[in-house]
PDB file of N, CA and C in Angstrom:
ATOM      1  N   MET A   1      -3.414  23.822  20.195  1.00  0.00           N
ATOM      2  CA  MET A   1      -2.647  22.796  19.508  1.00  0.00           C
ATOM      3  C   MET A   1      -3.596  21.986  18.615  1.00  0.00           C
ATOM      4  N   ALA A   2      -3.143  21.595  17.461  1.00  0.00           N
ATOM      5  CA  ALA A   2      -3.971  20.863  16.493  1.00  0.00           C
ATOM      6  C   ALA A   2      -4.092  19.390  16.887  1.00  0.00           C
ATOM      7  N   ASP A   3      -5.115  18.756  16.356  1.00  0.00           N
ATOM      8  CA  ASP A   3      -5.309  17.326  16.571  1.00  0.00           C
ATOM      9  C   ASP A   3      -4.631  16.536  15.457  1.00  0.00           C
ATOM     10  N   ILE A   4      -4.328  15.269  15.758  1.00  0.00           N
ATOM     11  CA  ILE A   4      -3.791  14.344  14.762  1.00  0.00           C
ATOM     12  C   ILE A   4      -4.718  13.131  14.701  1.00  0.00           C
ATOM     13  N   THR A   5      -4.707  12.438  13.582  1.00  0.00           N
ATOM     14  CA  THR A   5      -5.476  11.212  13.427  1.00  0.00           C
ATOM     15  C   THR A   5      -4.507  10.087  13.112  1.00  0.00           C
ATOM     16  N   VAL A   6      -4.628   8.994  13.862  1.00  0.00           N
ATOM     17  CA  VAL A   6      -3.782   7.817  13.658  1.00  0.00           C
ATOM     18  C   VAL A   6      -4.668   6.583  13.593  1.00  0.00           C
ATOM     19  N   GLU A   7      -4.130   5.505  13.045  1.00  0.00           N
ATOM     20  CA  GLU A   7      -4.796   4.210  13.050  1.00  0.00           C
ATOM     21  C   GLU A   7      -4.120   3.331  14.089  1.00  0.00           C
ATOM     22  N   VAL A   8      -4.916   2.506  14.760  1.00  0.00           N
ATOM     23  CA  VAL A   8      -4.383   1.507  15.677  1.00  0.00           C
ATOM     24  C   VAL A   8      -4.896   0.162  15.185  1.00  0.00           C
ATOM     25  N   VAL A   9      -3.983  -0.802  14.999  1.00  0.00           N
ATOM     26  CA  VAL A   9      -4.370  -2.106  14.476  1.00  0.00           C
ATOM     27  C   VAL A   9      -3.842  -3.227  15.363  1.00  0.00           C
ATOM     28  N   CYS A  10      -4.605  -4.325  15.362  1.00  0.00           N
ATOM     29  CA  CYS A  10      -4.197  -5.530  16.067  1.00  0.00           C
ATOM     30  C   CYS A  10      -4.814  -6.710  15.340  1.00  0.00           C
ATOM     31  N   ALA A  11      -4.071  -7.796  15.217  1.00  0.00           N
ATOM     32  CA  ALA A  11      -4.579  -8.969  14.511  1.00  0.00           C
ATOM     33  C   ALA A  11      -4.242 -10.233  15.291  1.00  0.00           C
ATOM     34  N   THR A  12      -5.177 -11.168  15.245  1.00  0.00           N
ATOM     35  CA  THR A  12      -4.969 -12.510  15.762  1.00  0.00           C
ATOM     36  C   THR A  12      -5.175 -13.444  14.572  1.00  0.00           C
ATOM     37  N   PRO A  13      -4.905 -14.722  14.706  1.00  0.00           N
ATOM     38  CA  PRO A  13      -5.153 -15.617  13.573  1.00  0.00           C
ATOM     39  C   PRO A  13      -6.612 -15.588  13.105  1.00  0.00           C
ATOM     40  N   GLY A  14      -7.545 -15.266  14.007  1.00  0.00           N
ATOM     41  CA  GLY A  14      -8.946 -15.305  13.659  1.00  0.00           C
ATOM     42  C   GLY A  14      -9.576 -13.993  13.232  1.00  0.00           C
ATOM     43  N   ARG A  15      -8.974 -12.870  13.618  1.00  0.00           N
ATOM     44  CA  ARG A  15      -9.577 -11.592  13.249  1.00  0.00           C
ATOM     45  C   ARG A  15      -8.588 -10.441  13.341  1.00  0.00           C
ATOM     46  N   GLN A  16      -9.012  -9.333  12.769  1.00  0.00           N
ATOM     47  CA  GLN A  16      -8.183  -8.127  12.748  1.00  0.00           C
ATOM     48  C   GLN A  16      -9.079  -6.929  13.054  1.00  0.00           C
ATOM     49  N   LEU A  17      -8.583  -6.027  13.877  1.00  0.00           N
ATOM     50  CA  LEU A  17      -9.313  -4.796  14.161  1.00  0.00           C
ATOM     51  C   LEU A  17      -8.450  -3.601  13.795  1.00  0.00           C
ATOM     52  N   LEU A  18      -9.081  -2.602  13.242  1.00  0.00           N
ATOM     53  CA  LEU A  18      -8.425  -1.346  12.904  1.00  0.00           C
ATOM     54  C   LEU A  18      -9.339  -0.232  13.391  1.00  0.00           C
ATOM     55  N   ARG A  19      -8.778   0.683  14.147  1.00  0.00           N
ATOM     56  CA  ARG A  19      -9.539   1.820  14.658  1.00  0.00           C
ATOM     57  C   ARG A  19      -8.792   3.114  14.338  1.00  0.00           C
ATOM     58  N   GLN A  20      -9.531   4.105  13.896  1.00  0.00           N
ATOM     59  CA  GLN A  20      -8.965   5.435  13.723  1.00  0.00           C
ATOM     60  C   GLN A  20      -9.270   6.230  14.972  1.00  0.00           C
ATOM     61  N   VAL A  21      -8.263   6.907  15.491  1.00  0.00           N
ATOM     62  CA  VAL A  21      -8.470   7.742  16.671  1.00  0.00           C
ATOM     63  C   VAL A  21      -7.900   9.125  16.423  1.00  0.00           C
ATOM     64  N   THR A  22      -8.545  10.110  17.008  1.00  0.00           N
ATOM     65  CA  THR A  22      -8.076  11.487  16.936  1.00  0.00           C
ATOM     66  C   THR A  22      -7.589  11.877  18.319  1.00  0.00           C
ATOM     67  N   LEU A  23      -6.387  12.401  18.354  1.00  0.00           N
ATOM     68  CA  LEU A  23      -5.717  12.751  19.608  1.00  0.00           C
ATOM     69  C   LEU A  23      -5.109  14.144  19.488  1.00  0.00           C
ATOM     70  N   PRO A  24      -4.815  14.777  20.603  1.00  0.00           N
ATOM     71  CA  PRO A  24      -4.098  16.051  20.536  1.00  0.00           C
ATOM     72  C   PRO A  24      -2.672  15.831  20.024  1.00  0.00           C
ATOM     73  N   ALA A  25      -2.155  16.774  19.259  1.00  0.00           N
ATOM     74  CA  ALA A  25      -0.756  16.698  18.814  1.00  0.00           C
ATOM     75  C   ALA A  25       0.128  16.544  20.051  1.00  0.00           C
ATOM     76  N   GLY A  26       1.165  15.732  19.928  1.00  0.00           N
ATOM     77  CA  GLY A  26       2.054  15.470  21.055  1.00  0.00           C
ATOM     78  C   GLY A  26       1.672  14.218  21.830  1.00  0.00           C
ATOM     79  N   SER A  27       0.588  13.554  21.425  1.00  0.00           N
ATOM     80  CA  SER A  27       0.176  12.317  22.095  1.00  0.00           C
ATOM     81  C   SER A  27       1.169  11.204  21.806  1.00  0.00           C
ATOM     82  N   ARG A  28       1.130  10.201  22.646  1.00  0.00           N
ATOM     83  CA  ARG A  28       2.088   9.101  22.563  1.00  0.00           C
ATOM     84  C   ARG A  28       1.407   7.799  22.149  1.00  0.00           C
ATOM     85  N   VAL A  29       2.231   6.837  21.765  1.00  0.00           N
ATOM     86  CA  VAL A  29       1.740   5.551  21.265  1.00  0.00           C
ATOM     87  C   VAL A  29       0.806   4.886  22.270  1.00  0.00           C
ATOM     88  N   ALA A  30       1.193   4.812  23.535  1.00  0.00           N
ATOM     89  CA  ALA A  30       0.369   4.153  24.545  1.00  0.00           C
ATOM     90  C   ALA A  30      -1.004   4.817  24.668  1.00  0.00           C
ATOM     91  N   GLU A  31      -1.068   6.125  24.498  1.00  0.00           N
ATOM     92  CA  GLU A  31      -2.346   6.838  24.567  1.00  0.00           C
ATOM     93  C   GLU A  31      -3.257   6.432  23.409  1.00  0.00           C
ATOM     94  N   ALA A  32      -2.682   6.259  22.238  1.00  0.00           N
ATOM     95  CA  ALA A  32      -3.473   5.846  21.072  1.00  0.00           C
ATOM     96  C   ALA A  32      -4.032   4.442  21.275  1.00  0.00           C
ATOM     97  N   VAL A  33      -3.218   3.543  21.817  1.00  0.00           N
ATOM     98  CA  VAL A  33      -3.682   2.175  22.079  1.00  0.00           C
ATOM     99  C   VAL A  33      -4.851   2.209  23.059  1.00  0.00           C
ATOM    100  N   GLU A  34      -4.700   2.967  24.131  1.00  0.00           N
ATOM    101  CA  GLU A  34      -5.761   3.063  25.137  1.00  0.00           C
ATOM    102  C   GLU A  34      -7.028   3.664  24.540  1.00  0.00           C
ATOM    103  N   ARG A  35      -6.901   4.748  23.817  1.00  0.00           N
ATOM    104  CA  ARG A  35      -8.063   5.445  23.255  1.00  0.00           C
ATOM    105  C   ARG A  35      -8.789   4.603  22.208  1.00  0.00           C
ATOM    106  N   SER A  36      -8.055   3.720  21.528  1.00  0.00           N
ATOM    107  CA  SER A  36      -8.663   2.919  20.461  1.00  0.00           C
ATOM    108  C   SER A  36      -9.705   1.933  20.977  1.00  0.00           C
ATOM    109  N   GLY A  37      -9.532   1.445  22.205  1.00  0.00           N
ATOM    110  CA  GLY A  37     -10.455   0.464  22.761  1.00  0.00           C
ATOM    111  C   GLY A  37     -10.250  -0.946  22.234  1.00  0.00           C
ATOM    112  N   ILE A  38      -9.239  -1.147  21.403  1.00  0.00           N
ATOM    113  CA  ILE A  38      -9.002  -2.465  20.814  1.00  0.00           C
ATOM    114  C   ILE A  38      -8.760  -3.534  21.872  1.00  0.00           C
ATOM    115  N   LEU A  39      -8.004  -3.206  22.900  1.00  0.00           N
ATOM    116  CA  LEU A  39      -7.678  -4.214  23.911  1.00  0.00           C
ATOM    117  C   LEU A  39      -8.920  -4.685  24.665  1.00  0.00           C
ATOM    118  N   LYS A  40      -9.913  -3.829  24.808  1.00  0.00           N
ATOM    119  CA  LYS A  40     -11.166  -4.238  25.449  1.00  0.00           C
ATOM    120  C   LYS A  40     -11.980  -5.136  24.523  1.00  0.00           C
ATOM    121  N   GLU A  41     -11.890  -4.873  23.217  1.00  0.00           N
ATOM    122  CA  GLU A  41     -12.621  -5.685  22.247  1.00  0.00           C
ATOM    123  C   GLU A  41     -11.931  -7.008  21.940  1.00  0.00           C
ATOM    124  N   MET A  42     -10.648  -7.086  22.233  1.00  0.00           N
ATOM    125  CA  MET A  42      -9.880  -8.307  21.961  1.00  0.00           C
ATOM    126  C   MET A  42      -9.195  -8.774  23.250  1.00  0.00           C
ATOM    127  N   PRO A  43      -9.967  -9.249  24.225  1.00  0.00           N
ATOM    128  CA  PRO A  43      -9.365  -9.659  25.498  1.00  0.00           C
ATOM    129  C   PRO A  43      -8.394 -10.835  25.358  1.00  0.00           C
ATOM    130  N   GLU A  44      -8.467 -11.541  24.232  1.00  0.00           N
ATOM    131  CA  GLU A  44      -7.558 -12.667  24.021  1.00  0.00           C
ATOM    132  C   GLU A  44      -6.126 -12.216  23.729  1.00  0.00           C
ATOM    133  N   VAL A  45      -5.933 -10.951  23.418  1.00  0.00           N
ATOM    134  CA  VAL A  45      -4.604 -10.428  23.104  1.00  0.00           C
ATOM    135  C   VAL A  45      -3.876 -10.111  24.403  1.00  0.00           C
ATOM    136  N   VAL A  46      -2.685 -10.683  24.534  1.00  0.00           N
ATOM    137  CA  VAL A  46      -1.839 -10.396  25.692  1.00  0.00           C
ATOM    138  C   VAL A  46      -1.060  -9.131  25.358  1.00  0.00           C
ATOM    139  N   TYR A  47      -1.400  -8.041  26.043  1.00  0.00           N
ATOM    140  CA  TYR A  47      -0.787  -6.743  25.753  1.00  0.00           C
ATOM    141  C   TYR A  47       0.555  -6.625  26.443  1.00  0.00           C
ATOM    142  N   ASP A  48       1.564  -6.372  25.664  1.00  0.00           N
ATOM    143  CA  ASP A  48       2.921  -6.168  26.164  1.00  0.00           C
ATOM    144  C   ASP A  48       3.400  -4.828  25.608  1.00  0.00           C
ATOM    145  N   ARG A  49       3.623  -3.865  26.484  1.00  0.00           N
ATOM    146  CA  ARG A  49       4.022  -2.519  26.052  1.00  0.00           C
ATOM    147  C   ARG A  49       5.323  -2.529  25.249  1.00  0.00           C
ATOM    148  N   ALA A  50       6.079  -3.608  25.321  1.00  0.00           N
ATOM    149  CA  ALA A  50       7.328  -3.717  24.559  1.00  0.00           C
ATOM    150  C   ALA A  50       7.081  -4.227  23.141  1.00  0.00           C
ATOM    151  N   ARG A  51       5.835  -4.564  22.817  1.00  0.00           N
ATOM    152  CA  ARG A  51       5.501  -5.105  21.490  1.00  0.00           C
ATOM    153  C   ARG A  51       4.572  -4.157  20.739  1.00  0.00           C
ATOM    154  N   LEU A  52       5.105  -2.964  20.461  1.00  0.00           N
ATOM    155  CA  LEU A  52       4.360  -1.950  19.723  1.00  0.00           C
ATOM    156  C   LEU A  52       5.203  -1.460  18.558  1.00  0.00           C
ATOM    157  N   GLY A  53       4.538  -1.031  17.506  1.00  0.00           N
ATOM    158  CA  GLY A  53       5.271  -0.514  16.359  1.00  0.00           C
ATOM    159  C   GLY A  53       4.479   0.559  15.641  1.00  0.00           C
ATOM    160  N   ILE A  54       5.185   1.271  14.782  1.00  0.00           N
ATOM    161  CA  ILE A  54       4.575   2.224  13.859  1.00  0.00           C
ATOM    162  C   ILE A  54       5.093   1.842  12.481  1.00  0.00           C
ATOM    163  N   PHE A  55       4.173   1.479  11.598  1.00  0.00           N
ATOM    164  CA  PHE A  55       4.534   1.048  10.243  1.00  0.00           C
ATOM    165  C   PHE A  55       5.658   0.013  10.270  1.00  0.00           C
ATOM    166  N   SER A  56       5.497  -1.043  11.060  1.00  0.00           N
ATOM    167  CA  SER A  56       6.424  -2.185  11.156  1.00  0.00           C
ATOM    168  C   SER A  56       7.767  -1.860  11.801  1.00  0.00           C
ATOM    169  N   ARG A  57       7.894  -0.708  12.419  1.00  0.00           N
ATOM    170  CA  ARG A  57       9.123  -0.329  13.121  1.00  0.00           C
ATOM    171  C   ARG A  57       8.826  -0.337  14.611  1.00  0.00           C
ATOM    172  N   ARG A  58       9.565  -1.139  15.362  1.00  0.00           N
ATOM    173  CA  ARG A  58       9.360  -1.213  16.803  1.00  0.00           C
ATOM    174  C   ARG A  58       9.555   0.160  17.435  1.00  0.00           C
ATOM    175  N   VAL A  59       8.667   0.496  18.378  1.00  0.00           N
ATOM    176  CA  VAL A  59       8.752   1.784  19.076  1.00  0.00           C
ATOM    177  C   VAL A  59       8.464   1.596  20.554  1.00  0.00           C
ATOM    178  N   GLU A  60       8.838   2.575  21.330  1.00  0.00           N
ATOM    179  CA  GLU A  60       8.536   2.606  22.758  1.00  0.00           C
ATOM    180  C   GLU A  60       7.131   3.172  22.953  1.00  0.00           C
ATOM    181  N   PRO A  61       6.464   2.807  24.042  1.00  0.00           N
ATOM    182  CA  PRO A  61       5.107   3.299  24.282  1.00  0.00           C
ATOM    183  C   PRO A  61       5.032   4.814  24.432  1.00  0.00           C
ATOM    184  N   ASP A  62       6.159   5.439  24.794  1.00  0.00           N
ATOM    185  CA  ASP A  62       6.138   6.885  24.988  1.00  0.00           C
ATOM    186  C   ASP A  62       6.595   7.675  23.760  1.00  0.00           C
ATOM    187  N   GLU A  63       6.743   6.998  22.626  1.00  0.00           N
ATOM    188  CA  GLU A  63       7.116   7.710  21.395  1.00  0.00           C
ATOM    189  C   GLU A  63       5.975   8.637  20.964  1.00  0.00           C
ATOM    190  N   VAL A  64       6.342   9.842  20.548  1.00  0.00           N
ATOM    191  CA  VAL A  64       5.351  10.828  20.120  1.00  0.00           C
ATOM    192  C   VAL A  64       4.848  10.474  18.721  1.00  0.00           C
ATOM    193  N   LEU A  65       3.544  10.551  18.551  1.00  0.00           N
ATOM    194  CA  LEU A  65       2.910  10.216  17.276  1.00  0.00           C
ATOM    195  C   LEU A  65       2.895  11.398  16.327  1.00  0.00           C
ATOM    196  N   ARG A  66       2.831  11.077  15.029  1.00  0.00           N
ATOM    197  CA  ARG A  66       2.639  12.086  13.988  1.00  0.00           C
ATOM    198  C   ARG A  66       1.333  11.781  13.281  1.00  0.00           C
ATOM    199  N   ASP A  67       0.753  12.796  12.703  1.00  0.00           N
ATOM    200  CA  ASP A  67      -0.498  12.622  11.976  1.00  0.00           C
ATOM    201  C   ASP A  67      -0.325  11.559  10.897  1.00  0.00           C
ATOM    202  N   GLY A  68      -1.271  10.613  10.834  1.00  0.00           N
ATOM    203  CA  GLY A  68      -1.234   9.569   9.819  1.00  0.00           C
ATOM    204  C   GLY A  68      -0.491   8.313  10.213  1.00  0.00           C
ATOM    205  N   ASP A  69       0.122   8.270  11.402  1.00  0.00           N
ATOM    206  CA  ASP A  69       0.833   7.067  11.843  1.00  0.00           C
ATOM    207  C   ASP A  69      -0.116   5.887  11.961  1.00  0.00           C
ATOM    208  N   ARG A  70       0.446   4.685  11.798  1.00  0.00           N
ATOM    209  CA  ARG A  70      -0.299   3.439  11.975  1.00  0.00           C
ATOM    210  C   ARG A  70       0.363   2.695  13.128  1.00  0.00           C
ATOM    211  N   VAL A  71      -0.300   2.676  14.273  1.00  0.00           N
ATOM    212  CA  VAL A  71       0.215   2.015  15.471  1.00  0.00           C
ATOM    213  C   VAL A  71      -0.186   0.550  15.414  1.00  0.00           C
ATOM    214  N   GLU A  72       0.786  -0.336  15.595  1.00  0.00           N
ATOM    215  CA  GLU A  72       0.542  -1.771  15.516  1.00  0.00           C
ATOM    216  C   GLU A  72       0.811  -2.420  16.867  1.00  0.00           C
ATOM    217  N   ILE A  73      -0.135  -3.229  17.305  1.00  0.00           N
ATOM    218  CA  ILE A  73       0.003  -3.995  18.538  1.00  0.00           C
ATOM    219  C   ILE A  73       0.411  -5.402  18.122  1.00  0.00           C
ATOM    220  N   TYR A  74       1.625  -5.811  18.498  1.00  0.00           N
ATOM    221  CA  TYR A  74       2.141  -7.113  18.077  1.00  0.00           C
ATOM    222  C   TYR A  74       1.822  -8.194  19.098  1.00  0.00           C
ATOM    223  N   ARG A  75       1.629  -9.417  18.588  1.00  0.00           N
ATOM    224  CA  ARG A  75       1.431 -10.598  19.431  1.00  0.00           C
ATOM    225  C   ARG A  75       2.773 -11.291  19.616  1.00  0.00           C
ATOM    226  N   PRO A  76       2.906 -12.062  20.689  1.00  0.00           N
ATOM    227  CA  PRO A  76       4.124 -12.866  20.832  1.00  0.00           C
ATOM    228  C   PRO A  76       4.177 -13.915  19.716  1.00  0.00           C
ATOM    229  N   LEU A  77       5.361 -14.267  19.297  1.00  0.00           N
ATOM    230  CA  LEU A  77       5.518 -15.321  18.297  1.00  0.00           C
ATOM    231  C   LEU A  77       5.086 -16.655  18.901  1.00  0.00           C
ATOM    232  N   THR A  78       4.373 -17.441  18.128  1.00  0.00           N
ATOM    233  CA  THR A  78       3.962 -18.750  18.629  1.00  0.00           C
ATOM    234  C   THR A  78       5.003 -19.814  18.304  1.00  0.00           C
ATOM    235  N   LEU A  79       5.882 -19.514  17.347  1.00  0.00           N
ATOM    236  CA  LEU A  79       6.921 -20.451  16.949  1.00  0.00           C
ATOM    237  C   LEU A  79       8.183 -19.663  16.652  1.00  0.00           C
ATOM    238  N   ASP A  80       9.278 -20.081  17.231  1.00  0.00           N
ATOM    239  CA  ASP A  80      10.554 -19.435  16.987  1.00  0.00           C
ATOM    240  C   ASP A  80      10.901 -19.547  15.495  1.00  0.00           C
ATOM    241  N   PRO A  81      11.319 -18.454  14.856  1.00  0.00           N
ATOM    242  CA  PRO A  81      11.634 -18.511  13.419  1.00  0.00           C
ATOM    243  C   PRO A  81      12.691 -19.565  13.063  1.00  0.00           C
ATOM    244  N   LYS A  82      13.667 -19.776  13.934  1.00  0.00           N
ATOM    245  CA  LYS A  82      14.688 -20.793  13.659  1.00  0.00           C
ATOM    246  C   LYS A  82      14.065 -22.195  13.655  1.00  0.00           C
ATOM    247  N   ASP A  83      13.180 -22.444  14.613  1.00  0.00           N
ATOM    248  CA  ASP A  83      12.496 -23.745  14.653  1.00  0.00           C
ATOM    249  C   ASP A  83      11.634 -23.935  13.406  1.00  0.00           C
ATOM    250  N   ALA A  84      10.974 -22.902  12.970  1.00  0.00           N
ATOM    251  CA  ALA A  84      10.136 -22.993  11.771  1.00  0.00           C
ATOM    252  C   ALA A  84      10.973 -23.357  10.547  1.00  0.00           C
ATOM    253  N   ARG A  85      12.146 -22.745  10.403  1.00  0.00           N
ATOM    254  CA  ARG A  85      13.037 -23.068   9.282  1.00  0.00           C
ATOM    255  C   ARG A  85      13.509 -24.521   9.359  1.00  0.00           C
ATOM    256  N   ARG A  86      13.861 -24.954  10.566  1.00  0.00           N
ATOM    257  CA  ARG A  86      14.298 -26.352  10.740  1.00  0.00           C
ATOM    258  C   ARG A  86      13.194 -27.326  10.349  1.00  0.00           C
ATOM    259  N   ARG A  87      11.970 -27.034  10.730  1.00  0.00           N
ATOM    260  CA  ARG A  87      10.847 -27.921  10.395  1.00  0.00           C
ATOM    261  C   ARG A  87      10.622 -27.968   8.886  1.00  0.00           C
ATOM    262  N   ARG A  88      10.715 -26.827   8.227  1.00  0.00           N
ATOM    263  CA  ARG A  88      10.514 -26.807   6.775  1.00  0.00           C
ATOM    264  C   ARG A  88      11.646 -27.543   6.060  1.00  0.00           C
ATOM    265  N   ALA A  89      12.862 -27.422   6.586  1.00  0.00           N
ATOM    266  CA  ALA A  89      14.020 -28.018   5.928  1.00  0.00           C
ATOM    267  C   ALA A  89      14.092 -29.537   6.165  1.00  0.00           C
ATOM    268  N   GLY A  90      13.532 -29.954   7.266  1.00  0.00           N
ATOM    269  CA  GLY A  90      13.833 -31.291   7.648  1.00  0.00           C
ATOM    270  C   GLY A  90      12.846 -32.325   7.636  1.00  0.00           C
TER     271      GLY A  90
END
């Protein structure tokens, strides 16, 4: 089976990490996150398996990856979008 290459990214207000990883075809999103090592380098990130995406589209950790995918590790929102709009308006 051929290998695929994907990017795994994570950002905080202070920094951003991007890692390219090569995995066997048929690998899943959670495997790419683990292989990237980003979570070890960014211990301040609270990892929630429900907050993952590929190219800004929410996905499950067991979704199968395709060559060239960009896996994104999302942070929890610090401010509810509705509250932010109210603050700007008011």
